[in-house]
C-alpha atoms as a PDB file:
ATOM      1  CA  MET A   1     -42.704 -22.488 -32.822  1.00  0.00           C
ATOM      2  CA  ASP A   2     -43.469 -25.262 -35.505  1.00  0.00           C
ATOM      3  CA  THR A   3     -43.135 -22.990 -38.519  1.00  0.00           C
ATOM      4  CA  LYS A   4     -43.999 -25.733 -41.081  1.00  0.00           C
ATOM      5  CA  ASN A   5     -47.756 -25.680 -39.734  1.00  0.00           C
ATOM      6  CA  VAL A   6     -48.245 -21.844 -39.452  1.00  0.00           C
ATOM      7  CA  LYS A   7     -49.482 -19.698 -42.163  1.00  0.00           C
ATOM      8  CA  THR A   8     -47.767 -16.426 -42.126  1.00  0.00           C
ATOM      9  CA  ALA A   9     -48.240 -13.121 -44.054  1.00  0.00           C
ATOM     10  CA  VAL A  10     -46.918  -9.665 -44.569  1.00  0.00           C
ATOM     11  CA  VAL A  11     -49.663  -7.174 -45.631  1.00  0.00           C
ATOM     12  CA  THR A  12     -48.494  -3.590 -46.516  1.00  0.00           C
ATOM     13  CA  GLY A  13     -50.877  -0.809 -46.359  1.00  0.00           C
ATOM     14  CA  ALA A  14     -52.638  -2.660 -43.583  1.00  0.00           C
ATOM     15  CA  GLY A  15     -53.922   0.425 -41.637  1.00  0.00           C
ATOM     16  CA  SER A  16     -56.808   1.156 -43.776  1.00  0.00           C
ATOM     17  CA  GLY A  17     -58.860   0.288 -46.831  1.00  0.00           C
ATOM     18  CA  ILE A  18     -58.191  -2.858 -48.767  1.00  0.00           C
ATOM     19  CA  GLY A  19     -54.987  -3.718 -46.810  1.00  0.00           C
ATOM     20  CA  ARG A  20     -56.919  -3.476 -43.518  1.00  0.00           C
ATOM     21  CA  ALA A  21     -59.931  -5.720 -44.842  1.00  0.00           C
ATOM     22  CA  VAL A  22     -57.304  -8.356 -46.148  1.00  0.00           C
ATOM     23  CA  ALA A  23     -55.311  -8.464 -42.975  1.00  0.00           C
ATOM     24  CA  VAL A  24     -58.582  -8.781 -40.923  1.00  0.00           C
ATOM     25  CA  GLU A  25     -59.842 -11.704 -43.213  1.00  0.00           C
ATOM     26  CA  LEU A  26     -56.377 -13.431 -42.749  1.00  0.00           C
ATOM     27  CA  LEU A  27     -56.249 -12.943 -39.032  1.00  0.00           C
ATOM     28  CA  ARG A  28     -59.763 -14.067 -38.780  1.00  0.00           C
ATOM     29  CA  THR A  29     -59.137 -17.260 -40.593  1.00  0.00           C
ATOM     30  CA  GLY A  30     -55.977 -18.330 -38.606  1.00  0.00           C
ATOM     31  CA  TRP A  31     -53.043 -16.501 -40.303  1.00  0.00           C
ATOM     32  CA  SER A  32     -50.406 -14.862 -38.422  1.00  0.00           C
ATOM     33  CA  VAL A  33     -49.850 -11.432 -40.089  1.00  0.00           C
ATOM     34  CA  ALA A  34     -47.209  -8.691 -39.985  1.00  0.00           C
ATOM     35  CA  LEU A  35     -49.061  -5.485 -40.511  1.00  0.00           C
ATOM     36  CA  ALA A  36     -47.150  -2.701 -42.352  1.00  0.00           C
ATOM     37  CA  GLY A  37     -47.896   0.780 -42.822  1.00  0.00           C
ATOM     38  CA  ARG A  38     -46.649   4.378 -41.908  1.00  0.00           C
ATOM     39  CA  ARG A  39     -48.773   4.879 -38.887  1.00  0.00           C
ATOM     40  CA  THR A  40     -48.389   2.705 -36.034  1.00  0.00           C
ATOM     41  CA  GLU A  41     -51.823   3.583 -34.318  1.00  0.00           C
ATOM     42  CA  THR A  42     -53.853   2.576 -37.362  1.00  0.00           C
ATOM     43  CA  LEU A  43     -51.958  -0.694 -37.690  1.00  0.00           C
ATOM     44  CA  GLU A  44     -52.765  -1.480 -33.967  1.00  0.00           C
ATOM     45  CA  GLU A  45     -56.429  -0.601 -34.613  1.00  0.00           C
ATOM     46  CA  THR A  46     -56.322  -3.142 -37.490  1.00  0.00           C
ATOM     47  CA  ALA A  47     -54.880  -5.855 -35.095  1.00  0.00           C
ATOM     48  CA  ALA A  48     -57.520  -4.982 -32.443  1.00  0.00           C
ATOM     49  CA  LEU A  49     -60.225  -5.912 -34.943  1.00  0.00           C
ATOM     50  CA  VAL A  50     -59.519  -9.513 -34.396  1.00  0.00           C
ATOM     51  CA  PRO A  51     -58.348  -9.633 -30.808  1.00  0.00           C
ATOM     52  CA  GLU A  52     -57.604 -13.381 -30.823  1.00  0.00           C
ATOM     53  CA  GLY A  53     -55.560 -13.025 -34.115  1.00  0.00           C
ATOM     54  CA  ALA A  54     -51.760 -13.047 -34.161  1.00  0.00           C
ATOM     55  CA  GLY A  55     -51.020  -9.510 -35.665  1.00  0.00           C
ATOM     56  CA  LEU A  56     -47.736  -7.725 -35.495  1.00  0.00           C
ATOM     57  CA  ALA A  57     -47.669  -3.925 -36.119  1.00  0.00           C
ATOM     58  CA  VAL A  58     -44.418  -2.710 -37.734  1.00  0.00           C
ATOM     59  CA  ARG A  59     -44.313   0.998 -38.750  1.00  0.00           C
ATOM     60  CA  THR A  60     -43.039   0.843 -42.407  1.00  0.00           C
ATOM     61  CA  ASP A  61     -42.611   3.306 -45.397  1.00  0.00           C
ATOM     62  CA  VAL A  62     -42.231   0.987 -48.256  1.00  0.00           C
ATOM     63  CA  SER A  63     -40.339   3.233 -50.311  1.00  0.00           C
ATOM     64  CA  ARG A  64     -37.293   3.068 -47.765  1.00  0.00           C
ATOM     65  CA  PRO A  65     -35.183   0.030 -48.187  1.00  0.00           C
ATOM     66  CA  ASP A  66     -34.083   0.001 -44.556  1.00  0.00           C
ATOM     67  CA  ASP A  67     -37.789   0.241 -43.416  1.00  0.00           C
ATOM     68  CA  VAL A  68     -38.547  -2.840 -45.772  1.00  0.00           C
ATOM     69  CA  ALA A  69     -35.658  -5.007 -44.380  1.00  0.00           C
ATOM     70  CA  ALA A  70     -36.646  -4.265 -40.851  1.00  0.00           C
ATOM     71  CA  LEU A  71     -40.248  -5.173 -41.718  1.00  0.00           C
ATOM     72  CA  PHE A  72     -39.203  -8.583 -42.864  1.00  0.00           C
ATOM     73  CA  ALA A  73     -36.721  -9.160 -40.197  1.00  0.00           C
ATOM     74  CA  ALA A  74     -39.333  -8.502 -37.559  1.00  0.00           C
ATOM     75  CA  ALA A  75     -41.926 -10.830 -39.245  1.00  0.00           C
ATOM     76  CA  VAL A  76     -39.481 -13.796 -39.410  1.00  0.00           C
ATOM     77  CA  GLU A  77     -38.192 -13.183 -35.933  1.00  0.00           C
ATOM     78  CA  ARG A  78     -41.886 -13.142 -34.773  1.00  0.00           C
ATOM     79  CA  PHE A  79     -43.318 -15.879 -36.846  1.00  0.00           C
ATOM     80  CA  GLY A  80     -40.262 -17.813 -38.227  1.00  0.00           C
ATOM     81  CA  ARG A  81     -41.046 -17.598 -41.973  1.00  0.00           C
ATOM     82  CA  VAL A  82     -43.185 -15.699 -44.626  1.00  0.00           C
ATOM     83  CA  ASP A  83     -45.702 -17.788 -46.586  1.00  0.00           C
ATOM     84  CA  LEU A  84     -47.352 -14.657 -48.189  1.00  0.00           C
ATOM     85  CA  LEU A  85     -46.811 -11.053 -49.192  1.00  0.00           C
ATOM     86  CA  PHE A  86     -49.884  -8.933 -50.000  1.00  0.00           C
ATOM     87  CA  ASN A  87     -48.198  -6.167 -51.662  1.00  0.00           C
ATOM     88  CA  ASN A  88     -50.798  -3.591 -51.187  1.00  0.00           C
ATOM     89  CA  ALA A  89     -49.441  -0.143 -50.184  1.00  0.00           C
ATOM     90  CA  GLY A  90     -50.104   2.725 -52.712  1.00  0.00           C
ATOM     91  CA  THR A  91     -51.167   6.089 -53.354  1.00  0.00           C
ATOM     92  CA  PHE A  92     -53.348   7.589 -56.181  1.00  0.00           C
ATOM     93  CA  GLY A  93     -51.472  10.975 -55.928  1.00  0.00           C
ATOM     94  CA  PRO A  94     -53.060  14.427 -56.436  1.00  0.00           C
ATOM     95  CA  GLY A  95     -56.477  13.970 -58.035  1.00  0.00           C
ATOM     96  CA  GLY A  96     -57.840  15.789 -60.975  1.00  0.00           C
ATOM     97  CA  VAL A  97     -54.325  17.212 -62.059  1.00  0.00           C
ATOM     98  CA  PRO A  98     -53.757  17.573 -65.821  1.00  0.00           C
ATOM     99  CA  VAL A  99     -50.494  15.931 -66.849  1.00  0.00           C
ATOM    100  CA  GLU A 100     -48.954  19.353 -67.748  1.00  0.00           C
ATOM    101  CA  GLU A 101     -49.552  20.659 -64.451  1.00  0.00           C
ATOM    102  CA  LEU A 102     -48.339  17.571 -62.297  1.00  0.00           C
ATOM    103  CA  PRO A 103     -45.550  18.484 -60.054  1.00  0.00           C
ATOM    104  CA  TYR A 104     -42.393  16.155 -60.505  1.00  0.00           C
ATOM    105  CA  ASP A 105     -42.360  15.722 -56.698  1.00  0.00           C
ATOM    106  CA  ALA A 106     -45.926  14.364 -56.810  1.00  0.00           C
ATOM    107  CA  TRP A 107     -44.916  12.043 -59.781  1.00  0.00           C
ATOM    108  CA  ARG A 108     -42.009  10.717 -57.729  1.00  0.00           C
ATOM    109  CA  HIS A 109     -43.984  10.036 -54.651  1.00  0.00           C
ATOM    110  CA  VAL A 110     -46.403   8.088 -56.407  1.00  0.00           C
ATOM    111  CA  VAL A 111     -43.685   6.040 -58.398  1.00  0.00           C
ATOM    112  CA  ASP A 112     -41.768   5.455 -54.985  1.00  0.00           C
ATOM    113  CA  THR A 113     -44.737   4.057 -53.138  1.00  0.00           C
ATOM    114  CA  ASN A 114     -46.719   2.129 -55.759  1.00  0.00           C
ATOM    115  CA  LEU A 115     -43.668   0.843 -57.813  1.00  0.00           C
ATOM    116  CA  ASN A 116     -40.340   1.028 -55.995  1.00  0.00           C
ATOM    117  CA  GLY A 117     -42.083   0.112 -52.799  1.00  0.00           C
ATOM    118  CA  ALA A 118     -43.608  -2.954 -54.255  1.00  0.00           C
ATOM    119  CA  PHE A 119     -40.365  -3.974 -55.909  1.00  0.00           C
ATOM    120  CA  LEU A 120     -38.543  -3.398 -52.372  1.00  0.00           C
ATOM    121  CA  CYS A 121     -41.179  -5.674 -50.628  1.00  0.00           C
ATOM    122  CA  ALA A 122     -41.304  -8.399 -53.341  1.00  0.00           C
ATOM    123  CA  GLN A 123     -37.434  -8.517 -53.270  1.00  0.00           C
ATOM    124  CA  ALA A 124     -37.410  -8.915 -49.488  1.00  0.00           C
ATOM    125  CA  ALA A 125     -40.151 -11.571 -49.583  1.00  0.00           C
ATOM    126  CA  TYR A 126     -38.311 -13.482 -52.664  1.00  0.00           C
ATOM    127  CA  ARG A 127     -35.188 -13.645 -50.584  1.00  0.00           C
ATOM    128  CA  GLN A 128     -36.879 -14.878 -47.557  1.00  0.00           C
ATOM    129  CA  MET A 129     -39.006 -17.398 -49.591  1.00  0.00           C
ATOM    130  CA  LYS A 130     -36.060 -18.795 -51.443  1.00  0.00           C
ATOM    131  CA  GLU A 131     -34.016 -19.435 -48.185  1.00  0.00           C
ATOM    132  CA  GLN A 132     -36.672 -20.624 -45.847  1.00  0.00           C
ATOM    133  CA  ASP A 133     -37.456 -24.354 -45.135  1.00  0.00           C
ATOM    134  CA  PRO A 134     -39.871 -25.525 -46.592  1.00  0.00           C
ATOM    135  CA  GLN A 135     -38.909 -23.220 -49.535  1.00  0.00           C
ATOM    136  CA  GLY A 136     -41.308 -21.181 -51.325  1.00  0.00           C
ATOM    137  CA  GLY A 137     -44.319 -18.773 -50.735  1.00  0.00           C
ATOM    138  CA  ARG A 138     -46.688 -16.438 -52.616  1.00  0.00           C
ATOM    139  CA  ILE A 139     -46.717 -12.925 -53.573  1.00  0.00           C
ATOM    140  CA  ILE A 140     -49.880 -11.136 -54.549  1.00  0.00           C
ATOM    141  CA  ASN A 141     -49.642  -7.658 -56.022  1.00  0.00           C
ATOM    142  CA  ASN A 142     -52.456  -5.260 -55.694  1.00  0.00           C
ATOM    143  CA  GLY A 143     -52.748  -3.938 -59.144  1.00  0.00           C
ATOM    144  CA  SER A 144     -55.896  -2.030 -60.316  1.00  0.00           C
ATOM    145  CA  ILE A 145     -58.471  -1.470 -63.181  1.00  0.00           C
ATOM    146  CA  SER A 146     -55.978   1.274 -64.053  1.00  0.00           C
ATOM    147  CA  ALA A 147     -53.390  -1.455 -64.757  1.00  0.00           C
ATOM    148  CA  HIS A 148     -55.623  -2.005 -67.936  1.00  0.00           C
ATOM    149  CA  THR A 149     -57.593   1.257 -68.522  1.00  0.00           C
ATOM    150  CA  PRO A 150     -56.952   4.724 -67.067  1.00  0.00           C
ATOM    151  CA  ARG A 151     -59.016   7.404 -65.670  1.00  0.00           C
ATOM    152  CA  PRO A 152     -58.737  10.872 -66.727  1.00  0.00           C
ATOM    153  CA  HIS A 153     -55.858  12.911 -65.065  1.00  0.00           C
ATOM    154  CA  SER A 154     -54.258   9.763 -63.474  1.00  0.00           C
ATOM    155  CA  VAL A 155     -50.993   9.534 -65.335  1.00  0.00           C
ATOM    156  CA  ALA A 156     -48.639   8.737 -62.339  1.00  0.00           C
ATOM    157  CA  TYR A 157     -51.103   6.200 -60.951  1.00  0.00           C
ATOM    158  CA  THR A 158     -51.782   4.428 -64.172  1.00  0.00           C
ATOM    159  CA  ALA A 159     -48.105   4.340 -65.214  1.00  0.00           C
ATOM    160  CA  THR A 160     -47.107   2.637 -62.000  1.00  0.00           C
ATOM    161  CA  LYS A 161     -50.132   0.208 -62.026  1.00  0.00           C
ATOM    162  CA  HIS A 162     -49.055  -0.874 -65.582  1.00  0.00           C
ATOM    163  CA  ALA A 163     -45.627  -1.311 -64.501  1.00  0.00           C
ATOM    164  CA  LEU A 164     -46.804  -3.481 -61.634  1.00  0.00           C
ATOM    165  CA  THR A 165     -48.081  -5.862 -64.265  1.00  0.00           C
ATOM    166  CA  GLY A 166     -44.738  -6.256 -65.535  1.00  0.00           C
ATOM    167  CA  LEU A 167     -43.245  -6.708 -62.143  1.00  0.00           C
ATOM    168  CA  THR A 168     -45.780  -9.379 -61.508  1.00  0.00           C
ATOM    169  CA  LYS A 169     -44.908 -11.242 -64.698  1.00  0.00           C
ATOM    170  CA  SER A 170     -41.208 -11.083 -64.170  1.00  0.00           C
ATOM    171  CA  LEU A 171     -41.430 -12.156 -60.511  1.00  0.00           C
ATOM    172  CA  SER A 172     -43.678 -14.980 -61.418  1.00  0.00           C
ATOM    173  CA  LEU A 173     -41.228 -16.176 -63.960  1.00  0.00           C
ATOM    174  CA  ASP A 174     -38.078 -15.754 -61.857  1.00  0.00           C
ATOM    175  CA  GLY A 175     -39.827 -17.580 -58.796  1.00  0.00           C
ATOM    176  CA  ARG A 176     -40.658 -20.898 -60.620  1.00  0.00           C
ATOM    177  CA  PRO A 177     -37.494 -22.646 -59.547  1.00  0.00           C
ATOM    178  CA  TYR A 178     -38.021 -21.882 -55.904  1.00  0.00           C
ATOM    179  CA  GLY A 179     -41.723 -22.546 -55.343  1.00  0.00           C
ATOM    180  CA  ILE A 180     -42.569 -18.820 -55.135  1.00  0.00           C
ATOM    181  CA  ALA A 181     -45.993 -18.183 -56.968  1.00  0.00           C
ATOM    182  CA  VAL A 182     -46.726 -14.546 -57.864  1.00  0.00           C
ATOM    183  CA  GLY A 183     -50.109 -13.198 -59.023  1.00  0.00           C
ATOM    184  CA  GLN A 184     -51.964  -9.862 -59.264  1.00  0.00           C
ATOM    185  CA  ILE A 185     -55.439  -8.806 -58.242  1.00  0.00           C
ATOM    186  CA  ASP A 186     -56.814  -5.875 -60.182  1.00  0.00           C
ATOM    187  CA  ILE A 187     -59.601  -4.136 -58.038  1.00  0.00           C
ATOM    188  CA  GLY A 188     -62.364  -1.752 -59.210  1.00  0.00           C
ATOM    189  CA  ASN A 189     -64.402   0.569 -56.885  1.00  0.00           C
ATOM    190  CA  ALA A 190     -63.930  -1.275 -53.652  1.00  0.00           C
ATOM    191  CA  ALA A 191     -65.746   0.653 -50.911  1.00  0.00           C
ATOM    192  CA  THR A 192     -63.033   2.270 -48.949  1.00  0.00           C
ATOM    193  CA  ASP A 193     -62.030   5.900 -47.791  1.00  0.00           C
ATOM    194  CA  MET A 194     -60.077   6.198 -51.078  1.00  0.00           C
ATOM    195  CA  THR A 195     -63.199   5.711 -53.156  1.00  0.00           C
ATOM    196  CA  ALA A 196     -65.796   7.639 -51.204  1.00  0.00           C
ATOM    197  CA  ARG A 197     -65.824  10.251 -53.849  1.00  0.00           C
ATOM    198  CA  MET A 198     -67.380   7.822 -56.178  1.00  0.00           C
ATOM    199  CA  GLY A 199     -70.789   8.078 -54.628  1.00  0.00           C
ATOM    200  CA  THR A 200     -70.975  11.709 -55.401  1.00  0.00           C
ATOM    201  CA  GLY A 201     -69.311  11.691 -58.752  1.00  0.00           C
ATOM    202  CA  ALA A 202     -66.067  10.825 -60.550  1.00  0.00           C
ATOM    203  CA  LEU A 203     -64.818  12.402 -63.757  1.00  0.00           C
ATOM    204  CA  GLN A 204     -65.532  10.269 -66.882  1.00  0.00           C
ATOM    205  CA  ALA A 205     -63.545   9.928 -70.075  1.00  0.00           C
ATOM    206  CA  ASN A 206     -66.304  12.109 -71.953  1.00  0.00           C
ATOM    207  CA  GLY A 207     -65.760  14.925 -69.541  1.00  0.00           C
ATOM    208  CA  GLU A 208     -68.798  14.472 -67.531  1.00  0.00           C
ATOM    209  CA  VAL A 209     -68.927  13.789 -63.610  1.00  0.00           C
ATOM    210  CA  ALA A 210     -71.109  10.883 -62.702  1.00  0.00           C
ATOM    211  CA  PRO A 211     -71.531   8.711 -59.531  1.00  0.00           C
ATOM    212  CA  GLU A 212     -70.158   5.033 -59.848  1.00  0.00           C
ATOM    213  CA  PRO A 213     -71.147   2.046 -58.031  1.00  0.00           C
ATOM    214  CA  VAL A 214     -68.931   0.260 -55.516  1.00  0.00           C
ATOM    215  CA  MET A 215     -68.598  -3.072 -53.907  1.00  0.00           C
ATOM    216  CA  ASP A 216     -68.046  -4.320 -50.325  1.00  0.00           C
ATOM    217  CA  VAL A 217     -64.361  -4.386 -49.670  1.00  0.00           C
ATOM    218  CA  ALA A 218     -64.856  -7.658 -47.864  1.00  0.00           C
ATOM    219  CA  ASP A 219     -65.548  -9.337 -51.310  1.00  0.00           C
ATOM    220  CA  VAL A 220     -61.889  -8.198 -52.274  1.00  0.00           C
ATOM    221  CA  ALA A 221     -60.476  -9.632 -49.042  1.00  0.00           C
ATOM    222  CA  ARG A 222     -62.207 -13.023 -49.628  1.00  0.00           C
ATOM    223  CA  THR A 223     -60.713 -13.141 -53.062  1.00  0.00           C
ATOM    224  CA  VAL A 224     -57.406 -12.457 -51.895  1.00  0.00           C
ATOM    225  CA  ARG A 225     -57.602 -15.137 -49.229  1.00  0.00           C
ATOM    226  CA  HIS A 226     -58.743 -17.649 -51.842  1.00  0.00           C
ATOM    227  CA  MET A 227     -55.518 -16.837 -53.961  1.00  0.00           C
ATOM    228  CA  ALA A 228     -53.321 -17.053 -50.960  1.00  0.00           C
ATOM    229  CA  GLU A 229     -54.566 -20.421 -49.809  1.00  0.00           C
ATOM    230  CA  LEU A 230     -54.072 -22.369 -53.020  1.00  0.00           C
ATOM    231  CA  PRO A 231     -51.289 -24.896 -52.949  1.00  0.00           C
ATOM    232  CA  LEU A 232     -48.299 -23.467 -54.425  1.00  0.00           C
ATOM    233  CA  GLY A 233     -48.575 -25.801 -57.399  1.00  0.00           C
ATOM    234  CA  ALA A 234     -51.385 -23.577 -58.550  1.00  0.00           C
ATOM    235  CA  ASN A 235     -51.604 -19.878 -59.151  1.00  0.00           C
ATOM    236  CA  VAL A 236     -54.140 -17.139 -59.985  1.00  0.00           C
ATOM    237  CA  GLN A 237     -51.954 -15.149 -62.351  1.00  0.00           C
ATOM    238  CA  PHE A 238     -54.353 -12.335 -62.665  1.00  0.00           C
ATOM    239  CA  ALA A 239     -57.695 -11.712 -61.099  1.00  0.00           C
ATOM    240  CA  THR A 240     -60.092  -8.693 -61.626  1.00  0.00           C
ATOM    241  CA  VAL A 241     -62.626  -7.992 -59.061  1.00  0.00           C
ATOM    242  CA  LEU A 242     -64.884  -5.129 -59.496  1.00  0.00           C
ATOM    243  CA  ALA A 243     -68.242  -3.570 -58.751  1.00  0.00           C
ATOM    244  CA  THR A 244     -70.305  -5.240 -61.527  1.00  0.00           C
ATOM    245  CA  ALA A 245     -71.891  -1.935 -63.109  1.00  0.00           C
ATOM    246  CA  MET A 246     -68.857   0.337 -62.738  1.00  0.00           C
ATOM    247  CA  PRO A 247     -67.599   1.845 -65.925  1.00  0.00           C
ATOM    248  CA  TYR A 248     -64.642  -0.410 -67.011  1.00  0.00           C
ATOM    249  CA  VAL A 249     -65.494  -2.237 -70.232  1.00  0.00           C
ATOM    250  CA  GLY A 250     -65.308   0.721 -72.536  1.00  0.00           C
ATOM    251  CA  ARG A 251     -65.006   2.958 -69.389  1.00  0.00           C
ATOM    252  CA  GLY A 252     -68.679   3.900 -69.838  1.00  0.00           C
END
């Protein structure tokens, strides 16, 4: 394989939602993609949405270092290199739970997935991108509107998404000498299973429950692909894409 002319990506959380939409967009436009997630069957469903695409399903729990190492080893064995990591796997945790009632196990699960998992995948991508020839690549972290402004009863999710912003900045700085560009996309109310409740009502900061608008997840996928296909000399450090009328500015 002539790895110098092949665009290759690793997408975590690729079995559903934003991860699936981004993986399909990349596959549809000629990328080779390692699809990572906890359920092999949903990863294979994602790959089957683009039958002619070069998709590789790799069952992965991103909170487990051995799983992450195996994911990147499989990607490199199949495709020869890694040009892009879309660090997307995440969980909101139990919804609507006040901070004083949040079980520690629930807090730890969100931190292990959203923050520790993102670090482990970024570290593995960084190692590969530093050593491969040509050197370099891109990491795009999936932040959130909650990386800026929280929702009620979302302490674990919000804390990890704020931390992800720090991870993005630090990785971006450390990646400069090796041609590793690192950015973050902060997404608000993309239409997925995770946001299905928005249509019927979501708790607002003033205590009311109100429906919220959503946007097509394909618009997120196109934004990620735009970020991914920039030359490595250019970087979208932070991008925010959201349903235009959702509560964000002032959260109301």
